[in-house]
Amino acid sequence: MITEQETVVSQEKFDEMVKELDNLKTVRRTEIAKNLEYARSLGDLSENAEYQEARELQAATEERIRKLEELVKRAKIITDGKKKDVVGFGSAVTIKKEGGDAHEYMIVGSEEADMRQHKLSHVSPLGSALMGKKKGDVFTFETPNGKQTYTVEKVA
């Protein structure tokens, strides 16, 4: 069971977040500190564009570090324990609208969702409608353009 405080991710995404966090805390913080020191050396801080830019970058980096630390702390890693014939986390599912083209998606956690890569969040309207479905199931979900009905063509 997944609680609201948990962030569902694959092991691959978890490792990616930990690596980014480590890079931000070590390499990026050092680079920003050097930029700030250089900008301070240029003189009047009130009219120093380099200093202002470095401070904004520092703030954005610290915010990203805080977000990643929270995500890593709340992460629930979903392993490959899925049922092969039922849509769940990590499933590759092909759906088709009547008279339309087939579309393939992978069901992932919200942190991994990326429609350009056909990675669909389990909490999105389509993702949540797909969860638990099997090949041949017909399902309907709500979109801004009204209800859409699709058939599950394949689950892998």
N, C-alpha and C. Protein backbone atom coordinates (compact mmCIF):
# COMPACT_ATOMS: atom_id res chain seq x y z
N MET A 1 0.84 -1.19 0.00
CA MET A 1 0.00 0.00 0.00
C MET A 1 0.88 1.25 0.00
N ILE A 2 0.53 2.21 -0.80
CA ILE A 2 1.32 3.44 -0.93
C ILE A 2 0.60 4.56 -0.19
N THR A 3 1.34 5.26 0.66
CA THR A 3 0.76 6.38 1.38
C THR A 3 1.05 7.66 0.60
N GLU A 4 0.35 8.76 0.97
CA GLU A 4 0.55 10.04 0.28
C GLU A 4 1.95 10.59 0.50
N GLN A 5 2.58 10.22 1.63
CA GLN A 5 3.91 10.73 1.91
C GLN A 5 4.98 10.03 1.09
N GLU A 6 4.66 8.89 0.52
CA GLU A 6 5.64 8.13 -0.24
C GLU A 6 5.67 8.59 -1.70
N THR A 7 6.86 8.51 -2.29
CA THR A 7 7.04 8.79 -3.70
C THR A 7 7.45 7.48 -4.35
N VAL A 8 6.66 7.01 -5.28
CA VAL A 8 6.92 5.74 -5.94
C VAL A 8 7.92 5.94 -7.07
N VAL A 9 9.02 5.20 -7.03
CA VAL A 9 10.05 5.30 -8.06
C VAL A 9 10.64 3.92 -8.34
N SER A 10 11.23 3.79 -9.49
CA SER A 10 11.98 2.58 -9.81
C SER A 10 13.36 2.68 -9.17
N GLN A 11 14.06 1.57 -9.09
CA GLN A 11 15.42 1.59 -8.55
C GLN A 11 16.30 2.49 -9.39
N GLU A 12 16.09 2.46 -10.71
CA GLU A 12 16.87 3.30 -11.63
C GLU A 12 16.68 4.79 -11.33
N LYS A 13 15.42 5.22 -11.12
CA LYS A 13 15.14 6.62 -10.83
C LYS A 13 15.68 7.00 -9.45
N PHE A 14 15.58 6.10 -8.49
CA PHE A 14 16.11 6.37 -7.15
C PHE A 14 17.62 6.60 -7.21
N ASP A 15 18.32 5.72 -7.92
CA ASP A 15 19.77 5.87 -8.07
C ASP A 15 20.12 7.18 -8.76
N GLU A 16 19.33 7.56 -9.76
CA GLU A 16 19.54 8.81 -10.48
C GLU A 16 19.37 10.02 -9.54
N MET A 17 18.36 9.98 -8.69
CA MET A 17 18.13 11.08 -7.74
C MET A 17 19.27 11.17 -6.72
N VAL A 18 19.72 10.03 -6.22
CA VAL A 18 20.83 10.02 -5.24
C VAL A 18 22.10 10.56 -5.89
N LYS A 19 22.35 10.19 -7.13
CA LYS A 19 23.55 10.67 -7.85
C LYS A 19 23.47 12.19 -8.06
N GLU A 20 22.30 12.68 -8.49
CA GLU A 20 22.13 14.13 -8.68
C GLU A 20 22.31 14.87 -7.37
N LEU A 21 21.74 14.34 -6.29
CA LEU A 21 21.86 14.97 -4.97
C LEU A 21 23.32 15.06 -4.54
N ASP A 22 24.04 13.98 -4.72
CA ASP A 22 25.47 13.96 -4.36
C ASP A 22 26.24 14.99 -5.18
N ASN A 23 25.96 15.06 -6.48
CA ASN A 23 26.64 16.02 -7.36
C ASN A 23 26.33 17.47 -6.94
N LEU A 24 25.08 17.74 -6.63
CA LEU A 24 24.70 19.09 -6.22
C LEU A 24 25.37 19.49 -4.90
N LYS A 25 25.44 18.55 -3.97
CA LYS A 25 26.02 18.85 -2.66
C LYS A 25 27.53 19.03 -2.71
N THR A 26 28.18 18.36 -3.61
CA THR A 26 29.65 18.42 -3.65
C THR A 26 30.13 19.36 -4.77
N VAL A 27 30.02 18.92 -5.99
CA VAL A 27 30.56 19.65 -7.13
C VAL A 27 29.87 21.00 -7.33
N ARG A 28 28.54 21.00 -7.40
CA ARG A 28 27.80 22.23 -7.74
C ARG A 28 27.93 23.30 -6.66
N ARG A 29 27.82 22.90 -5.40
CA ARG A 29 27.97 23.87 -4.31
C ARG A 29 29.35 24.54 -4.35
N THR A 30 30.38 23.76 -4.65
CA THR A 30 31.75 24.30 -4.74
C THR A 30 31.86 25.30 -5.88
N GLU A 31 31.29 24.95 -7.03
CA GLU A 31 31.31 25.86 -8.19
C GLU A 31 30.61 27.17 -7.87
N ILE A 32 29.46 27.09 -7.22
CA ILE A 32 28.70 28.29 -6.89
C ILE A 32 29.46 29.14 -5.88
N ALA A 33 30.08 28.50 -4.90
CA ALA A 33 30.86 29.26 -3.91
C ALA A 33 31.99 30.02 -4.59
N LYS A 34 32.65 29.41 -5.55
CA LYS A 34 33.73 30.08 -6.30
C LYS A 34 33.17 31.25 -7.10
N ASN A 35 32.03 31.06 -7.73
CA ASN A 35 31.39 32.15 -8.49
C ASN A 35 31.00 33.30 -7.59
N LEU A 36 30.48 32.99 -6.41
CA LEU A 36 30.11 34.04 -5.46
C LEU A 36 31.34 34.82 -4.99
N GLU A 37 32.41 34.09 -4.71
CA GLU A 37 33.64 34.74 -4.26
C GLU A 37 34.19 35.66 -5.34
N TYR A 38 34.18 35.19 -6.58
CA TYR A 38 34.64 36.01 -7.70
C TYR A 38 33.77 37.26 -7.84
N ALA A 39 32.45 37.07 -7.79
CA ALA A 39 31.52 38.19 -7.96
C ALA A 39 31.68 39.22 -6.83
N ARG A 40 31.93 38.75 -5.61
CA ARG A 40 32.16 39.67 -4.49
C ARG A 40 33.41 40.52 -4.73
N SER A 41 34.40 39.91 -5.36
CA SER A 41 35.66 40.62 -5.59
C SER A 41 35.52 41.75 -6.61
N LEU A 42 34.41 41.76 -7.33
CA LEU A 42 34.20 42.79 -8.36
C LEU A 42 33.74 44.11 -7.77
N GLY A 43 33.40 44.12 -6.48
CA GLY A 43 33.05 45.41 -5.86
C GLY A 43 31.62 45.51 -5.43
N ASP A 44 31.04 46.70 -5.61
CA ASP A 44 29.70 47.07 -5.14
C ASP A 44 28.67 45.97 -5.43
N LEU A 45 28.18 45.32 -4.37
CA LEU A 45 27.26 44.20 -4.53
C LEU A 45 25.87 44.63 -4.96
N SER A 46 25.48 45.86 -4.67
CA SER A 46 24.12 46.30 -5.00
C SER A 46 23.91 46.44 -6.51
N GLU A 47 24.97 46.70 -7.26
CA GLU A 47 24.84 46.84 -8.71
C GLU A 47 25.67 45.80 -9.46
N ASN A 48 25.91 44.68 -8.81
CA ASN A 48 26.77 43.65 -9.36
C ASN A 48 25.91 42.52 -9.92
N ALA A 49 25.75 42.51 -11.24
CA ALA A 49 24.89 41.50 -11.89
C ALA A 49 25.42 40.09 -11.69
N GLU A 50 26.74 39.92 -11.73
CA GLU A 50 27.34 38.59 -11.53
C GLU A 50 27.00 38.06 -10.14
N TYR A 51 27.06 38.93 -9.15
CA TYR A 51 26.77 38.53 -7.77
C TYR A 51 25.29 38.13 -7.64
N GLN A 52 24.41 38.94 -8.20
CA GLN A 52 22.98 38.64 -8.13
C GLN A 52 22.66 37.31 -8.82
N GLU A 53 23.28 37.10 -9.97
CA GLU A 53 23.06 35.86 -10.71
C GLU A 53 23.57 34.66 -9.92
N ALA A 54 24.74 34.79 -9.30
CA ALA A 54 25.31 33.70 -8.50
C ALA A 54 24.43 33.40 -7.29
N ARG A 55 23.85 34.44 -6.66
CA ARG A 55 22.96 34.23 -5.51
C ARG A 55 21.68 33.52 -5.94
N GLU A 56 21.14 33.88 -7.10
CA GLU A 56 19.94 33.22 -7.60
C GLU A 56 20.21 31.75 -7.92
N LEU A 57 21.37 31.49 -8.51
CA LEU A 57 21.75 30.11 -8.82
C LEU A 57 21.94 29.32 -7.53
N GLN A 58 22.53 29.95 -6.54
CA GLN A 58 22.71 29.29 -5.24
C GLN A 58 21.36 28.94 -4.62
N ALA A 59 20.42 29.87 -4.66
CA ALA A 59 19.09 29.63 -4.09
C ALA A 59 18.37 28.50 -4.82
N ALA A 60 18.46 28.50 -6.15
CA ALA A 60 17.82 27.44 -6.94
C ALA A 60 18.45 26.08 -6.65
N THR A 61 19.76 26.06 -6.50
CA THR A 61 20.46 24.81 -6.22
C THR A 61 20.08 24.28 -4.84
N GLU A 62 20.04 25.16 -3.85
CA GLU A 62 19.67 24.74 -2.50
C GLU A 62 18.23 24.23 -2.45
N GLU A 63 17.35 24.85 -3.23
CA GLU A 63 15.95 24.40 -3.30
C GLU A 63 15.88 23.00 -3.92
N ARG A 64 16.65 22.77 -4.98
CA ARG A 64 16.68 21.45 -5.61
C ARG A 64 17.24 20.40 -4.66
N ILE A 65 18.26 20.77 -3.89
CA ILE A 65 18.82 19.85 -2.90
C ILE A 65 17.76 19.48 -1.87
N ARG A 66 17.03 20.46 -1.36
CA ARG A 66 15.97 20.20 -0.38
C ARG A 66 14.89 19.28 -0.97
N LYS A 67 14.50 19.55 -2.22
CA LYS A 67 13.48 18.72 -2.85
C LYS A 67 13.97 17.28 -3.03
N LEU A 68 15.19 17.12 -3.52
CA LEU A 68 15.73 15.77 -3.72
C LEU A 68 15.88 15.02 -2.40
N GLU A 69 16.35 15.71 -1.36
CA GLU A 69 16.48 15.05 -0.05
C GLU A 69 15.13 14.55 0.43
N GLU A 70 14.09 15.35 0.23
CA GLU A 70 12.74 14.95 0.64
C GLU A 70 12.25 13.76 -0.20
N LEU A 71 12.48 13.82 -1.52
CA LEU A 71 12.06 12.73 -2.40
C LEU A 71 12.77 11.43 -2.05
N VAL A 72 14.06 11.50 -1.81
CA VAL A 72 14.84 10.30 -1.48
C VAL A 72 14.36 9.73 -0.15
N LYS A 73 14.09 10.61 0.81
CA LYS A 73 13.62 10.18 2.13
C LYS A 73 12.26 9.48 2.03
N ARG A 74 11.38 9.98 1.15
CA ARG A 74 10.03 9.43 1.03
C ARG A 74 9.91 8.35 -0.03
N ALA A 75 11.01 8.03 -0.71
CA ALA A 75 10.94 7.11 -1.85
C ALA A 75 10.52 5.70 -1.44
N LYS A 76 9.64 5.16 -2.22
CA LYS A 76 9.27 3.75 -2.10
C LYS A 76 9.66 3.12 -3.43
N ILE A 77 10.66 2.27 -3.37
CA ILE A 77 11.19 1.66 -4.59
C ILE A 77 10.33 0.47 -4.98
N ILE A 78 9.82 0.54 -6.18
CA ILE A 78 8.98 -0.54 -6.71
C ILE A 78 9.89 -1.49 -7.48
N THR A 79 9.89 -2.72 -7.05
CA THR A 79 10.72 -3.73 -7.73
C THR A 79 9.89 -4.42 -8.80
N ASP A 80 10.52 -5.29 -9.51
CA ASP A 80 9.87 -5.97 -10.62
C ASP A 80 9.03 -7.15 -10.13
N GLY A 81 8.14 -6.88 -9.17
CA GLY A 81 7.29 -7.94 -8.65
C GLY A 81 5.90 -7.89 -9.25
N LYS A 82 5.79 -7.30 -10.43
CA LYS A 82 4.47 -7.12 -11.04
C LYS A 82 3.97 -8.41 -11.68
N LYS A 83 2.65 -8.49 -11.76
CA LYS A 83 2.03 -9.62 -12.44
C LYS A 83 2.12 -9.33 -13.93
N LYS A 84 2.49 -10.30 -14.69
CA LYS A 84 2.75 -10.09 -16.11
C LYS A 84 1.51 -9.71 -16.91
N ASP A 85 0.35 -10.17 -16.51
CA ASP A 85 -0.85 -9.93 -17.30
C ASP A 85 -1.75 -8.82 -16.76
N VAL A 86 -1.32 -8.14 -15.68
CA VAL A 86 -2.11 -7.08 -15.07
C VAL A 86 -1.30 -5.78 -15.07
N VAL A 87 -1.94 -4.67 -15.46
CA VAL A 87 -1.25 -3.38 -15.50
C VAL A 87 -0.92 -2.93 -14.08
N GLY A 88 0.37 -2.61 -13.86
CA GLY A 88 0.85 -2.12 -12.58
C GLY A 88 2.12 -1.32 -12.81
N PHE A 89 2.83 -0.99 -11.73
CA PHE A 89 4.08 -0.23 -11.86
C PHE A 89 5.07 -1.01 -12.72
N GLY A 90 5.66 -0.30 -13.66
CA GLY A 90 6.66 -0.92 -14.53
C GLY A 90 6.07 -1.65 -15.73
N SER A 91 4.75 -1.74 -15.80
CA SER A 91 4.13 -2.43 -16.94
C SER A 91 4.27 -1.59 -18.21
N ALA A 92 4.51 -2.29 -19.31
CA ALA A 92 4.42 -1.66 -20.62
C ALA A 92 3.04 -2.06 -21.14
N VAL A 93 2.21 -1.08 -21.44
CA VAL A 93 0.84 -1.37 -21.84
C VAL A 93 0.53 -0.67 -23.16
N THR A 94 -0.13 -1.39 -24.04
CA THR A 94 -0.56 -0.83 -25.32
C THR A 94 -2.07 -0.69 -25.28
N ILE A 95 -2.53 0.52 -25.60
CA ILE A 95 -3.98 0.78 -25.60
C ILE A 95 -4.38 1.31 -26.98
N LYS A 96 -5.65 1.15 -27.28
CA LYS A 96 -6.14 1.60 -28.58
C LYS A 96 -7.55 2.13 -28.43
N LYS A 97 -7.76 3.29 -29.03
CA LYS A 97 -9.11 3.88 -29.10
C LYS A 97 -9.78 3.30 -30.34
N GLU A 98 -11.07 3.04 -30.27
CA GLU A 98 -11.77 2.46 -31.42
C GLU A 98 -11.55 3.31 -32.67
N GLY A 99 -11.05 2.69 -33.72
CA GLY A 99 -10.79 3.39 -34.97
C GLY A 99 -9.52 4.23 -34.95
N GLY A 100 -8.77 4.18 -33.86
CA GLY A 100 -7.57 5.00 -33.74
C GLY A 100 -6.30 4.16 -33.74
N ASP A 101 -5.18 4.84 -33.57
CA ASP A 101 -3.89 4.17 -33.51
C ASP A 101 -3.65 3.61 -32.11
N ALA A 102 -2.79 2.61 -32.05
CA ALA A 102 -2.39 2.04 -30.76
C ALA A 102 -1.28 2.91 -30.16
N HIS A 103 -1.28 3.03 -28.84
CA HIS A 103 -0.27 3.80 -28.12
C HIS A 103 0.29 2.93 -27.01
N GLU A 104 1.62 2.94 -26.88
CA GLU A 104 2.25 2.17 -25.82
C GLU A 104 2.81 3.10 -24.74
N TYR A 105 2.58 2.75 -23.49
CA TYR A 105 3.05 3.52 -22.35
C TYR A 105 3.69 2.61 -21.32
N MET A 106 4.57 3.17 -20.53
CA MET A 106 5.10 2.47 -19.37
C MET A 106 4.52 3.16 -18.15
N ILE A 107 4.03 2.39 -17.19
CA ILE A 107 3.45 2.95 -15.98
C ILE A 107 4.57 3.15 -14.95
N VAL A 108 4.73 4.40 -14.51
CA VAL A 108 5.81 4.76 -13.59
C VAL A 108 5.26 5.65 -12.47
N GLY A 109 6.12 5.97 -11.50
CA GLY A 109 5.76 6.91 -10.45
C GLY A 109 5.73 8.32 -11.00
N SER A 110 5.13 9.25 -10.27
CA SER A 110 4.96 10.61 -10.78
C SER A 110 6.28 11.32 -11.02
N GLU A 111 7.34 10.98 -10.29
CA GLU A 111 8.64 11.63 -10.48
C GLU A 111 9.30 11.22 -11.80
N GLU A 112 8.91 10.08 -12.33
CA GLU A 112 9.51 9.57 -13.57
C GLU A 112 8.68 9.87 -14.81
N ALA A 113 7.46 10.33 -14.62
CA ALA A 113 6.55 10.55 -15.73
C ALA A 113 7.15 11.50 -16.76
N ASP A 114 7.05 11.12 -18.03
CA ASP A 114 7.56 11.93 -19.13
C ASP A 114 6.85 11.48 -20.41
N MET A 115 5.88 12.25 -20.86
CA MET A 115 5.09 11.85 -22.02
C MET A 115 5.92 11.75 -23.29
N ARG A 116 7.01 12.52 -23.39
CA ARG A 116 7.86 12.40 -24.59
C ARG A 116 8.49 11.02 -24.68
N GLN A 117 8.70 10.38 -23.53
CA GLN A 117 9.28 9.04 -23.50
C GLN A 117 8.19 7.98 -23.28
N HIS A 118 6.94 8.39 -23.35
CA HIS A 118 5.79 7.50 -23.16
C HIS A 118 5.79 6.86 -21.77
N LYS A 119 6.25 7.62 -20.76
CA LYS A 119 6.23 7.16 -19.37
C LYS A 119 5.08 7.88 -18.69
N LEU A 120 4.12 7.11 -18.24
CA LEU A 120 2.86 7.62 -17.73
C LEU A 120 2.78 7.41 -16.21
N SER A 121 2.45 8.47 -15.47
CA SER A 121 2.32 8.38 -14.02
C SER A 121 1.11 7.54 -13.63
N HIS A 122 1.28 6.75 -12.59
CA HIS A 122 0.18 5.92 -12.08
C HIS A 122 -0.94 6.75 -11.46
N VAL A 123 -0.68 8.04 -11.17
CA VAL A 123 -1.72 8.89 -10.59
C VAL A 123 -2.37 9.82 -11.61
N SER A 124 -1.90 9.80 -12.85
CA SER A 124 -2.53 10.60 -13.90
C SER A 124 -3.91 9.99 -14.20
N PRO A 125 -4.80 10.76 -14.82
CA PRO A 125 -6.12 10.19 -15.13
C PRO A 125 -6.03 8.89 -15.95
N LEU A 126 -5.21 8.88 -16.98
CA LEU A 126 -5.07 7.66 -17.79
C LEU A 126 -4.36 6.57 -17.02
N GLY A 127 -3.28 6.92 -16.34
CA GLY A 127 -2.52 5.93 -15.57
C GLY A 127 -3.36 5.25 -14.51
N SER A 128 -4.12 6.04 -13.76
CA SER A 128 -4.95 5.44 -12.70
C SER A 128 -6.07 4.59 -13.30
N ALA A 129 -6.59 4.99 -14.47
CA ALA A 129 -7.63 4.20 -15.13
C ALA A 129 -7.07 2.86 -15.61
N LEU A 130 -5.78 2.83 -15.96
CA LEU A 130 -5.15 1.61 -16.46
C LEU A 130 -4.78 0.61 -15.36
N MET A 131 -4.49 1.11 -14.16
CA MET A 131 -4.02 0.24 -13.09
C MET A 131 -5.00 -0.92 -12.85
N GLY A 132 -4.46 -2.13 -12.83
CA GLY A 132 -5.26 -3.32 -12.57
C GLY A 132 -5.97 -3.90 -13.77
N LYS A 133 -5.88 -3.25 -14.92
CA LYS A 133 -6.55 -3.76 -16.13
C LYS A 133 -5.76 -4.91 -16.74
N LYS A 134 -6.46 -5.70 -17.55
CA LYS A 134 -5.85 -6.84 -18.25
C LYS A 134 -6.08 -6.69 -19.75
N LYS A 135 -5.34 -7.48 -20.52
CA LYS A 135 -5.50 -7.47 -21.97
C LYS A 135 -6.97 -7.75 -22.32
N GLY A 136 -7.51 -6.92 -23.21
CA GLY A 136 -8.90 -7.07 -23.64
C GLY A 136 -9.88 -6.22 -22.86
N ASP A 137 -9.47 -5.70 -21.71
CA ASP A 137 -10.36 -4.84 -20.92
C ASP A 137 -10.64 -3.54 -21.66
N VAL A 138 -11.88 -3.09 -21.58
CA VAL A 138 -12.29 -1.81 -22.12
C VAL A 138 -12.48 -0.89 -20.91
N PHE A 139 -11.93 0.32 -21.00
CA PHE A 139 -12.04 1.24 -19.88
C PHE A 139 -12.29 2.66 -20.37
N THR A 140 -12.86 3.47 -19.50
CA THR A 140 -13.18 4.86 -19.81
C THR A 140 -12.55 5.74 -18.75
N PHE A 141 -12.05 6.89 -19.17
CA PHE A 141 -11.53 7.86 -18.21
C PHE A 141 -11.86 9.26 -18.67
N GLU A 142 -11.86 10.19 -17.73
CA GLU A 142 -12.25 11.57 -17.98
C GLU A 142 -11.06 12.40 -18.47
N THR A 143 -11.27 13.19 -19.52
CA THR A 143 -10.25 14.11 -20.02
C THR A 143 -10.90 15.50 -20.14
N PRO A 144 -10.11 16.52 -20.38
CA PRO A 144 -10.70 17.85 -20.59
C PRO A 144 -11.69 17.89 -21.76
N ASN A 145 -11.51 16.97 -22.72
CA ASN A 145 -12.40 16.91 -23.88
C ASN A 145 -13.56 15.94 -23.69
N GLY A 146 -13.77 15.47 -22.46
CA GLY A 146 -14.85 14.53 -22.18
C GLY A 146 -14.31 13.13 -21.94
N LYS A 147 -15.23 12.19 -21.83
CA LYS A 147 -14.84 10.80 -21.55
C LYS A 147 -14.23 10.16 -22.79
N GLN A 148 -13.18 9.37 -22.55
CA GLN A 148 -12.51 8.65 -23.63
C GLN A 148 -12.55 7.15 -23.29
N THR A 149 -12.80 6.34 -24.30
CA THR A 149 -12.87 4.89 -24.09
C THR A 149 -11.78 4.22 -24.91
N TYR A 150 -11.03 3.35 -24.25
CA TYR A 150 -9.93 2.63 -24.86
C TYR A 150 -10.02 1.14 -24.54
N THR A 151 -9.29 0.34 -25.31
CA THR A 151 -9.16 -1.09 -25.06
C THR A 151 -7.69 -1.40 -24.79
N VAL A 152 -7.43 -2.24 -23.81
CA VAL A 152 -6.08 -2.67 -23.51
C VAL A 152 -5.72 -3.76 -24.52
N GLU A 153 -4.73 -3.47 -25.36
CA GLU A 153 -4.31 -4.39 -26.42
C GLU A 153 -3.25 -5.38 -25.93
N LYS A 154 -2.35 -4.89 -25.04
CA LYS A 154 -1.22 -5.73 -24.63
C LYS A 154 -0.69 -5.23 -23.29
N VAL A 155 -0.30 -6.16 -22.43
CA VAL A 155 0.34 -5.83 -21.15
C VAL A 155 1.62 -6.65 -21.06
N ALA A 156 2.73 -5.99 -20.83
CA ALA A 156 4.00 -6.71 -20.69
C ALA A 156 4.75 -6.22 -19.46
